[in-house]
Amino acid sequence: MTDTGALALVPAWRGFSARLAARSPADHAALRPAADAGRIAGLEDGLGFALHPRVRARLELHDGVAPRPAGDTFPAGSFLPLAHRLLPAEHILARHRRYVELFPADIRDPGGRGTPAGHARWWVPIALPLDGGVLLVDHLPGPTCGHVYEMGIGSGDIEGSLWATSPADMFAALTDSLTTGRPFRHFVPDTHRHISGEHRLDWRVARQPAPEAKRSGAMPGGGGGSGAVAAEGRTTGEYGVPGPER
């Protein structure tokens, strides 16, 4: 891990990881071991392009979180806002292929206007919540490469909102929120007492943005967002994959 971009991720992640371990040991324990070089190479082969250095660096630290136990509505590992769960390499590739099928460029962006859904082949999903949304890192060459966007695809949002200009910036901002209590976007860290008796990290909505500015920093071409987790009652799989898409 010698790339400058990759190295920027390491202290940001370690700061977040330390806060997570102190606040919710069960969430921290859900992290999987690092992905090996072969697994990452297989992911890049399947994608058809190299991973952003900070996405690769995150996989070299932890290959996502453990699968969600059946029937658990708030499982350990759902520690990002909107209960997003970090994906392992094989699920990143599976979801990437799914989105490429769902959003073909010739249908979603026939005029070549550069709308987000028109370059789904450059999306790299990094986390899924329980409601059909997705957290992704844009890999389209250009000024947005490396940006982290959240989309509520399960509720019809394919425009998305900007969460951070890089994974490192996102984890640094989340760490600051856990340390100071200041909101990350409009999410404030909280604690959820699980039925097991464990305390797990949760994020409550601090305020509701006005309808015309529901999501600030939207991807070029629109806004929108996921809304509350599981608000529409969709069935989900082990990594929050909506049941009907299975």
C-alpha atoms as a PDB file:
ATOM      1  CA  MET A   1       0.000   0.000   0.000  1.00  0.00           C
ATOM      2  CA  THR A   2       2.402   2.667  -1.257  1.00  0.00           C
ATOM      3  CA  ASP A   3       0.102   4.879  -3.365  1.00  0.00           C
ATOM      4  CA  THR A   4      -0.312   8.363  -1.862  1.00  0.00           C
ATOM      5  CA  GLY A   5      -4.071   8.183  -2.358  1.00  0.00           C
ATOM      6  CA  ALA A   6      -4.216   4.842  -0.605  1.00  0.00           C
ATOM      7  CA  LEU A   7      -2.137   6.065   2.311  1.00  0.00           C
ATOM      8  CA  ALA A   8      -4.613   8.901   2.894  1.00  0.00           C
ATOM      9  CA  LEU A   9      -7.318   6.332   3.625  1.00  0.00           C
ATOM     10  CA  VAL A  10      -5.402   4.482   6.343  1.00  0.00           C
ATOM     11  CA  PRO A  11      -5.362   7.122   9.136  1.00  0.00           C
ATOM     12  CA  ALA A  12      -8.942   8.144   8.328  1.00  0.00           C
ATOM     13  CA  TRP A  13     -10.127   4.543   8.599  1.00  0.00           C
ATOM     14  CA  ARG A  14      -8.083   3.815  11.730  1.00  0.00           C
ATOM     15  CA  GLY A  15      -9.547   6.853  13.458  1.00  0.00           C
ATOM     16  CA  PHE A  16     -13.061   5.730  12.582  1.00  0.00           C
ATOM     17  CA  SER A  17     -12.313   2.107  13.497  1.00  0.00           C
ATOM     18  CA  ALA A  18     -11.021   3.112  16.929  1.00  0.00           C
ATOM     19  CA  ARG A  19     -14.138   5.161  17.665  1.00  0.00           C
ATOM     20  CA  LEU A  20     -16.353   2.341  16.418  1.00  0.00           C
ATOM     21  CA  ALA A  21     -14.596  -0.237  18.612  1.00  0.00           C
ATOM     22  CA  ALA A  22     -14.987   1.959  21.690  1.00  0.00           C
ATOM     23  CA  ARG A  23     -18.616   2.769  21.030  1.00  0.00           C
ATOM     24  CA  SER A  24     -19.854  -0.534  19.644  1.00  0.00           C
ATOM     25  CA  PRO A  25     -17.577  -3.578  19.990  1.00  0.00           C
ATOM     26  CA  ALA A  26     -20.182  -5.777  18.273  1.00  0.00           C
ATOM     27  CA  ASP A  27     -20.200  -3.564  15.186  1.00  0.00           C
ATOM     28  CA  HIS A  28     -16.412  -3.553  15.070  1.00  0.00           C
ATOM     29  CA  ALA A  29     -16.273  -7.334  15.453  1.00  0.00           C
ATOM     30  CA  ALA A  30     -18.459  -7.706  12.339  1.00  0.00           C
ATOM     31  CA  LEU A  31     -15.612  -6.452  10.126  1.00  0.00           C
ATOM     32  CA  ARG A  32     -14.120  -9.190   7.972  1.00  0.00           C
ATOM     33  CA  PRO A  33     -10.367  -9.734   7.525  1.00  0.00           C
ATOM     34  CA  ALA A  34      -8.512  -8.035   4.692  1.00  0.00           C
ATOM     35  CA  ALA A  35      -9.129  -9.061   1.087  1.00  0.00           C
ATOM     36  CA  ASP A  36      -6.057 -10.730  -0.404  1.00  0.00           C
ATOM     37  CA  ALA A  37      -4.402  -9.604  -3.622  1.00  0.00           C
ATOM     38  CA  GLY A  38      -6.061 -12.339  -5.663  1.00  0.00           C
ATOM     39  CA  ARG A  39      -9.536 -11.343  -4.543  1.00  0.00           C
ATOM     40  CA  ILE A  40      -8.895  -7.686  -5.367  1.00  0.00           C
ATOM     41  CA  ALA A  41      -7.375  -8.578  -8.748  1.00  0.00           C
ATOM     42  CA  GLY A  42     -10.443 -10.684  -9.536  1.00  0.00           C
ATOM     43  CA  LEU A  43     -12.695  -7.739  -8.672  1.00  0.00           C
ATOM     44  CA  GLU A  44     -10.742  -5.405 -10.952  1.00  0.00           C
ATOM     45  CA  ASP A  45     -10.814  -7.962 -13.764  1.00  0.00           C
ATOM     46  CA  GLY A  46     -14.572  -8.216 -13.423  1.00  0.00           C
ATOM     47  CA  LEU A  47     -15.042  -4.457 -13.318  1.00  0.00           C
ATOM     48  CA  GLY A  48     -12.804  -3.887 -16.318  1.00  0.00           C
ATOM     49  CA  PHE A  49     -10.879  -1.046 -14.658  1.00  0.00           C
ATOM     50  CA  ALA A  50      -8.602  -0.423 -11.682  1.00  0.00           C
ATOM     51  CA  LEU A  51     -10.093   0.440  -8.321  1.00  0.00           C
ATOM     52  CA  HIS A  52      -9.627   3.928  -6.946  1.00  0.00           C
ATOM     53  CA  PRO A  53      -6.603   3.713  -4.595  1.00  0.00           C
ATOM     54  CA  ARG A  54      -8.722   4.528  -1.545  1.00  0.00           C
ATOM     55  CA  VAL A  55     -11.296   1.874  -2.378  1.00  0.00           C
ATOM     56  CA  ARG A  56      -8.514  -0.669  -2.797  1.00  0.00           C
ATOM     57  CA  ALA A  57      -6.942   0.456   0.485  1.00  0.00           C
ATOM     58  CA  ARG A  58     -10.201  -0.079   2.354  1.00  0.00           C
ATOM     59  CA  LEU A  59     -10.443  -3.637   1.011  1.00  0.00           C
ATOM     60  CA  GLU A  60      -6.831  -4.241   2.018  1.00  0.00           C
ATOM     61  CA  LEU A  61      -7.830  -3.366   5.586  1.00  0.00           C
ATOM     62  CA  HIS A  62     -11.201  -5.136   5.784  1.00  0.00           C
ATOM     63  CA  ASP A  63     -13.144  -7.031   3.130  1.00  0.00           C
ATOM     64  CA  GLY A  64     -16.520  -5.663   4.139  1.00  0.00           C
ATOM     65  CA  VAL A  65     -18.582  -6.940   7.061  1.00  0.00           C
ATOM     66  CA  ALA A  66     -20.046 -10.336   7.921  1.00  0.00           C
ATOM     67  CA  PRO A  67     -23.344 -11.358   6.281  1.00  0.00           C
ATOM     68  CA  ARG A  68     -26.537 -10.225   7.972  1.00  0.00           C
ATOM     69  CA  PRO A  69     -28.105 -13.020  10.043  1.00  0.00           C
ATOM     70  CA  ALA A  70     -31.552 -14.005   8.814  1.00  0.00           C
ATOM     71  CA  GLY A  71     -34.330 -12.250  10.696  1.00  0.00           C
ATOM     72  CA  ASP A  72     -32.102  -9.668  12.394  1.00  0.00           C
ATOM     73  CA  THR A  73     -33.482  -6.218  11.570  1.00  0.00           C
ATOM     74  CA  PHE A  74     -30.537  -4.319  13.080  1.00  0.00           C
ATOM     75  CA  PRO A  75     -27.518  -6.615  12.762  1.00  0.00           C
ATOM     76  CA  ALA A  76     -24.005  -5.831  13.881  1.00  0.00           C
ATOM     77  CA  GLY A  77     -22.065  -4.223  11.050  1.00  0.00           C
ATOM     78  CA  SER A  78     -24.802  -1.729  10.048  1.00  0.00           C
ATOM     79  CA  PHE A  79     -22.699   1.100  11.444  1.00  0.00           C
ATOM     80  CA  LEU A  80     -22.804   3.689   8.653  1.00  0.00           C
ATOM     81  CA  PRO A  81     -25.617   6.252   8.299  1.00  0.00           C
ATOM     82  CA  LEU A  82     -28.852   4.768   6.930  1.00  0.00           C
ATOM     83  CA  ALA A  83     -27.542   1.412   8.258  1.00  0.00           C
ATOM     84  CA  HIS A  84     -25.250   0.928   5.265  1.00  0.00           C
ATOM     85  CA  ARG A  85     -23.104  -2.215   5.493  1.00  0.00           C
ATOM     86  CA  LEU A  86     -19.675  -2.369   3.842  1.00  0.00           C
ATOM     87  CA  LEU A  87     -19.585  -4.889   1.000  1.00  0.00           C
ATOM     88  CA  PRO A  88     -16.982  -7.618   0.464  1.00  0.00           C
ATOM     89  CA  ALA A  89     -15.265  -7.807  -2.925  1.00  0.00           C
ATOM     90  CA  GLU A  90     -17.502 -10.481  -4.453  1.00  0.00           C
ATOM     91  CA  HIS A  91     -20.650  -8.543  -3.594  1.00  0.00           C
ATOM     92  CA  ILE A  92     -19.176  -5.334  -4.978  1.00  0.00           C
ATOM     93  CA  LEU A  93     -18.783  -7.038  -8.348  1.00  0.00           C
ATOM     94  CA  ALA A  94     -22.240  -8.637  -8.242  1.00  0.00           C
ATOM     95  CA  ARG A  95     -23.930  -5.321  -7.472  1.00  0.00           C
ATOM     96  CA  HIS A  96     -21.866  -3.489 -10.101  1.00  0.00           C
ATOM     97  CA  ARG A  97     -23.044  -5.941 -12.747  1.00  0.00           C
ATOM     98  CA  ARG A  98     -26.620  -5.592 -11.539  1.00  0.00           C
ATOM     99  CA  TYR A  99     -26.553  -1.797 -11.886  1.00  0.00           C
ATOM    100  CA  VAL A 100     -24.975  -1.966 -15.339  1.00  0.00           C
ATOM    101  CA  GLU A 101     -27.914  -4.144 -16.400  1.00  0.00           C
ATOM    102  CA  LEU A 102     -30.478  -1.886 -14.741  1.00  0.00           C
ATOM    103  CA  PHE A 103     -29.125   1.393 -16.121  1.00  0.00           C
ATOM    104  CA  PRO A 104     -27.823   0.918 -19.680  1.00  0.00           C
ATOM    105  CA  ALA A 105     -26.259   4.138 -20.960  1.00  0.00           C
ATOM    106  CA  ASP A 106     -28.086   4.094 -24.308  1.00  0.00           C
ATOM    107  CA  ILE A 107     -31.453   4.138 -22.515  1.00  0.00           C
ATOM    108  CA  ARG A 108     -30.713   6.217 -19.423  1.00  0.00           C
ATOM    109  CA  ASP A 109     -28.568   8.832 -21.169  1.00  0.00           C
ATOM    110  CA  PRO A 110     -29.241   8.582 -24.910  1.00  0.00           C
ATOM    111  CA  GLY A 111     -28.196  12.174 -25.553  1.00  0.00           C
ATOM    112  CA  GLY A 112     -24.879  11.787 -23.790  1.00  0.00           C
ATOM    113  CA  ARG A 113     -25.669  14.537 -21.276  1.00  0.00           C
ATOM    114  CA  GLY A 114     -23.589  12.863 -18.586  1.00  0.00           C
ATOM    115  CA  THR A 115     -26.439  12.019 -16.194  1.00  0.00           C
ATOM    116  CA  PRO A 116     -25.389   9.735 -13.297  1.00  0.00           C
ATOM    117  CA  ALA A 117     -27.507   6.796 -14.400  1.00  0.00           C
ATOM    118  CA  GLY A 118     -25.833   7.056 -17.793  1.00  0.00           C
ATOM    119  CA  HIS A 119     -22.474   5.863 -16.475  1.00  0.00           C
ATOM    120  CA  ALA A 120     -23.450   3.039 -14.140  1.00  0.00           C
ATOM    121  CA  ARG A 121     -20.578   1.001 -15.594  1.00  0.00           C
ATOM    122  CA  TRP A 122     -18.259   3.286 -13.601  1.00  0.00           C
ATOM    123  CA  TRP A 123     -20.068   2.829 -10.290  1.00  0.00           C
ATOM    124  CA  VAL A 124     -18.317   0.783  -7.610  1.00  0.00           C
ATOM    125  CA  PRO A 125     -20.809  -0.027  -4.827  1.00  0.00           C
ATOM    126  CA  ILE A 126     -19.099  -0.058  -1.428  1.00  0.00           C
ATOM    127  CA  ALA A 127     -22.057  -0.480   0.950  1.00  0.00           C
ATOM    128  CA  LEU A 128     -25.756  -1.355   0.987  1.00  0.00           C
ATOM    129  CA  PRO A 129     -28.435  -0.432   3.543  1.00  0.00           C
ATOM    130  CA  LEU A 130     -31.601  -2.403   4.322  1.00  0.00           C
ATOM    131  CA  ASP A 131     -33.909  -0.460   1.997  1.00  0.00           C
ATOM    132  CA  GLY A 132     -32.627  -0.913  -1.556  1.00  0.00           C
ATOM    133  CA  GLY A 133     -30.224   2.032  -1.591  1.00  0.00           C
ATOM    134  CA  VAL A 134     -26.515   2.020  -2.355  1.00  0.00           C
ATOM    135  CA  LEU A 135     -23.357   3.838  -1.309  1.00  0.00           C
ATOM    136  CA  LEU A 136     -20.955   3.980  -4.246  1.00  0.00           C
ATOM    137  CA  VAL A 137     -17.661   5.473  -5.358  1.00  0.00           C
ATOM    138  CA  ASP A 138     -17.754   7.041  -8.802  1.00  0.00           C
ATOM    139  CA  HIS A 139     -14.912   5.835 -11.052  1.00  0.00           C
ATOM    140  CA  LEU A 140     -15.833   7.850 -14.144  1.00  0.00           C
ATOM    141  CA  PRO A 141     -12.557   9.469 -15.290  1.00  0.00           C
ATOM    142  CA  GLY A 142     -12.718  13.172 -14.558  1.00  0.00           C
ATOM    143  CA  PRO A 143     -13.368  15.543 -11.655  1.00  0.00           C
ATOM    144  CA  THR A 144     -15.866  13.294  -9.843  1.00  0.00           C
ATOM    145  CA  CYS A 145     -13.650  10.198  -9.821  1.00  0.00           C
ATOM    146  CA  GLY A 146     -13.383   9.011  -6.226  1.00  0.00           C
ATOM    147  CA  HIS A 147     -16.473  10.868  -4.999  1.00  0.00           C
ATOM    148  CA  VAL A 148     -18.796   8.971  -2.654  1.00  0.00           C
ATOM    149  CA  TYR A 149     -22.500   9.138  -3.503  1.00  0.00           C
ATOM    150  CA  GLU A 150     -25.575   7.723  -1.794  1.00  0.00           C
ATOM    151  CA  MET A 151     -28.603   6.695  -3.866  1.00  0.00           C
ATOM    152  CA  GLY A 152     -32.044   5.525  -2.798  1.00  0.00           C
ATOM    153  CA  ILE A 153     -32.523   3.292  -5.830  1.00  0.00           C
ATOM    154  CA  GLY A 154     -35.134   1.184  -4.056  1.00  0.00           C
ATOM    155  CA  SER A 155     -37.321   4.294  -3.659  1.00  0.00           C
ATOM    156  CA  GLY A 156     -36.714   5.610  -7.167  1.00  0.00           C
ATOM    157  CA  ASP A 157     -33.729   7.920  -6.651  1.00  0.00           C
ATOM    158  CA  ILE A 158     -31.098   7.348  -9.340  1.00  0.00           C
ATOM    159  CA  GLU A 159     -29.571  10.824  -9.120  1.00  0.00           C
ATOM    160  CA  GLY A 160     -27.964  10.514  -5.714  1.00  0.00           C
ATOM    161  CA  SER A 161     -26.339  12.860  -3.228  1.00  0.00           C
ATOM    162  CA  LEU A 162     -22.707  13.586  -2.521  1.00  0.00           C
ATOM    163  CA  TRP A 163     -21.544  12.266   0.843  1.00  0.00           C
ATOM    164  CA  ALA A 164     -17.831  13.016   0.436  1.00  0.00           C
ATOM    165  CA  THR A 165     -15.201  13.752  -2.193  1.00  0.00           C
ATOM    166  CA  SER A 166     -13.335  10.549  -1.245  1.00  0.00           C
ATOM    167  CA  PRO A 167     -13.705   7.546   1.077  1.00  0.00           C
ATOM    168  CA  ALA A 168     -10.948   9.014   3.256  1.00  0.00           C
ATOM    169  CA  ASP A 169     -12.861  12.271   3.642  1.00  0.00           C
ATOM    170  CA  MET A 170     -16.036  10.360   4.472  1.00  0.00           C
ATOM    171  CA  PHE A 171     -14.435   8.320   7.255  1.00  0.00           C
ATOM    172  CA  ALA A 172     -12.656  11.405   8.612  1.00  0.00           C
ATOM    173  CA  ALA A 173     -15.976  13.265   8.749  1.00  0.00           C
ATOM    174  CA  LEU A 174     -17.702  10.307  10.419  1.00  0.00           C
ATOM    175  CA  THR A 175     -14.906  10.155  13.006  1.00  0.00           C
ATOM    176  CA  ASP A 176     -15.324  13.859  13.712  1.00  0.00           C
ATOM    177  CA  SER A 177     -19.048  13.318  14.206  1.00  0.00           C
ATOM    178  CA  LEU A 178     -18.450  10.430  16.618  1.00  0.00           C
ATOM    179  CA  THR A 179     -15.884  12.500  18.514  1.00  0.00           C
ATOM    180  CA  THR A 180     -17.707  15.827  18.753  1.00  0.00           C
ATOM    181  CA  GLY A 181     -21.355  14.951  18.236  1.00  0.00           C
ATOM    182  CA  ARG A 182     -21.541  17.332  15.293  1.00  0.00           C
ATOM    183  CA  PRO A 183     -23.767  16.070  12.463  1.00  0.00           C
ATOM    184  CA  PHE A 184     -22.402  14.228   9.479  1.00  0.00           C
ATOM    185  CA  ARG A 185     -24.597  15.785   6.801  1.00  0.00           C
ATOM    186  CA  HIS A 186     -27.931  15.605   8.652  1.00  0.00           C
ATOM    187  CA  PHE A 187     -27.117  12.468  10.669  1.00  0.00           C
ATOM    188  CA  VAL A 188     -26.145  12.508  14.340  1.00  0.00           C
ATOM    189  CA  PRO A 189     -24.492   9.512  16.063  1.00  0.00           C
ATOM    190  CA  ASP A 190     -26.658   7.687  18.555  1.00  0.00           C
ATOM    191  CA  THR A 191     -26.799   4.308  20.288  1.00  0.00           C
ATOM    192  CA  HIS A 192     -29.243   1.481  19.655  1.00  0.00           C
ATOM    193  CA  ARG A 193     -29.810  -1.199  22.289  1.00  0.00           C
ATOM    194  CA  HIS A 194     -30.110  -4.460  20.379  1.00  0.00           C
ATOM    195  CA  ILE A 195     -32.394  -7.270  21.540  1.00  0.00           C
ATOM    196  CA  SER A 196     -29.208  -9.155  22.464  1.00  0.00           C
ATOM    197  CA  GLY A 197     -28.455  -6.461  25.022  1.00  0.00           C
ATOM    198  CA  GLU A 198     -25.513  -5.076  23.033  1.00  0.00           C
ATOM    199  CA  HIS A 199     -25.257  -1.372  22.312  1.00  0.00           C
ATOM    200  CA  ARG A 200     -24.706  -0.619  18.623  1.00  0.00           C
ATOM    201  CA  LEU A 201     -23.974   2.509  16.677  1.00  0.00           C
ATOM    202  CA  ASP A 202     -26.986   4.162  15.107  1.00  0.00           C
ATOM    203  CA  TRP A 203     -27.453   7.470  13.254  1.00  0.00           C
ATOM    204  CA  ARG A 204     -30.591   9.539  13.771  1.00  0.00           C
ATOM    205  CA  VAL A 205     -31.760  12.319  11.502  1.00  0.00           C
ATOM    206  CA  ALA A 206     -30.945  15.676  13.079  1.00  0.00           C
ATOM    207  CA  ARG A 207     -33.203  17.663  10.795  1.00  0.00           C
ATOM    208  CA  GLN A 208     -35.280  17.199   7.683  1.00  0.00           C
ATOM    209  CA  PRO A 209     -34.076  19.295   4.739  1.00  0.00           C
ATOM    210  CA  ALA A 210     -36.612  21.400   2.863  1.00  0.00           C
ATOM    211  CA  PRO A 211     -38.188  19.511  -0.070  1.00  0.00           C
ATOM    212  CA  GLU A 212     -36.376  21.591  -2.672  1.00  0.00           C
ATOM    213  CA  ALA A 213     -33.041  20.867  -1.006  1.00  0.00           C
ATOM    214  CA  LYS A 214     -33.705  17.359   0.257  1.00  0.00           C
ATOM    215  CA  ARG A 215     -30.122  16.356  -0.471  1.00  0.00           C
ATOM    216  CA  SER A 216     -27.397  18.969  -0.780  1.00  0.00           C
ATOM    217  CA  GLY A 217     -24.444  18.240  -3.025  1.00  0.00           C
ATOM    218  CA  ALA A 218     -26.407  16.107  -5.457  1.00  0.00           C
ATOM    219  CA  MET A 219     -24.698  14.347  -8.301  1.00  0.00           C
ATOM    220  CA  PRO A 220     -24.802  16.428 -11.496  1.00  0.00           C
ATOM    221  CA  GLY A 221     -28.319  16.245 -12.792  1.00  0.00           C
ATOM    222  CA  GLY A 222     -30.529  15.891  -9.720  1.00  0.00           C
ATOM    223  CA  GLY A 223     -31.177  15.230  -6.044  1.00  0.00           C
ATOM    224  CA  GLY A 224     -33.215  12.931  -3.856  1.00  0.00           C
ATOM    225  CA  GLY A 225     -32.268  10.371  -1.246  1.00  0.00           C
ATOM    226  CA  SER A 226     -32.963   7.104   0.464  1.00  0.00           C
ATOM    227  CA  GLY A 227     -35.235   8.251   3.251  1.00  0.00           C
ATOM    228  CA  ALA A 228     -35.658   6.190   6.397  1.00  0.00           C
ATOM    229  CA  VAL A 229     -34.225   2.710   6.494  1.00  0.00           C
ATOM    230  CA  ALA A 230     -36.756   0.039   5.507  1.00  0.00           C
ATOM    231  CA  ALA A 231     -39.436   2.733   5.234  1.00  0.00           C
ATOM    232  CA  GLU A 232     -41.132   0.905   2.405  1.00  0.00           C
ATOM    233  CA  GLY A 233     -40.935  -2.511   4.068  1.00  0.00           C
ATOM    234  CA  ARG A 234     -38.868  -4.163   1.317  1.00  0.00           C
ATOM    235  CA  THR A 235     -37.512  -7.605   2.050  1.00  0.00           C
ATOM    236  CA  THR A 236     -33.752  -7.818   2.196  1.00  0.00           C
ATOM    237  CA  GLY A 237     -30.955 -10.352   1.910  1.00  0.00           C
ATOM    238  CA  GLU A 238     -27.730 -10.881   3.782  1.00  0.00           C
ATOM    239  CA  TYR A 239     -26.121  -7.592   2.691  1.00  0.00           C
ATOM    240  CA  GLY A 240     -29.319  -5.574   2.457  1.00  0.00           C
ATOM    241  CA  VAL A 241     -29.994  -6.637  -1.142  1.00  0.00           C
ATOM    242  CA  PRO A 242     -33.710  -6.069  -1.892  1.00  0.00           C
ATOM    243  CA  GLY A 243     -35.566  -9.360  -2.129  1.00  0.00           C
ATOM    244  CA  PRO A 244     -37.327  -8.697  -5.475  1.00  0.00           C
ATOM    245  CA  GLU A 245     -33.974  -8.234  -7.203  1.00  0.00           C
ATOM    246  CA  ARG A 246     -32.673 -11.591  -6.126  1.00  0.00           C
END
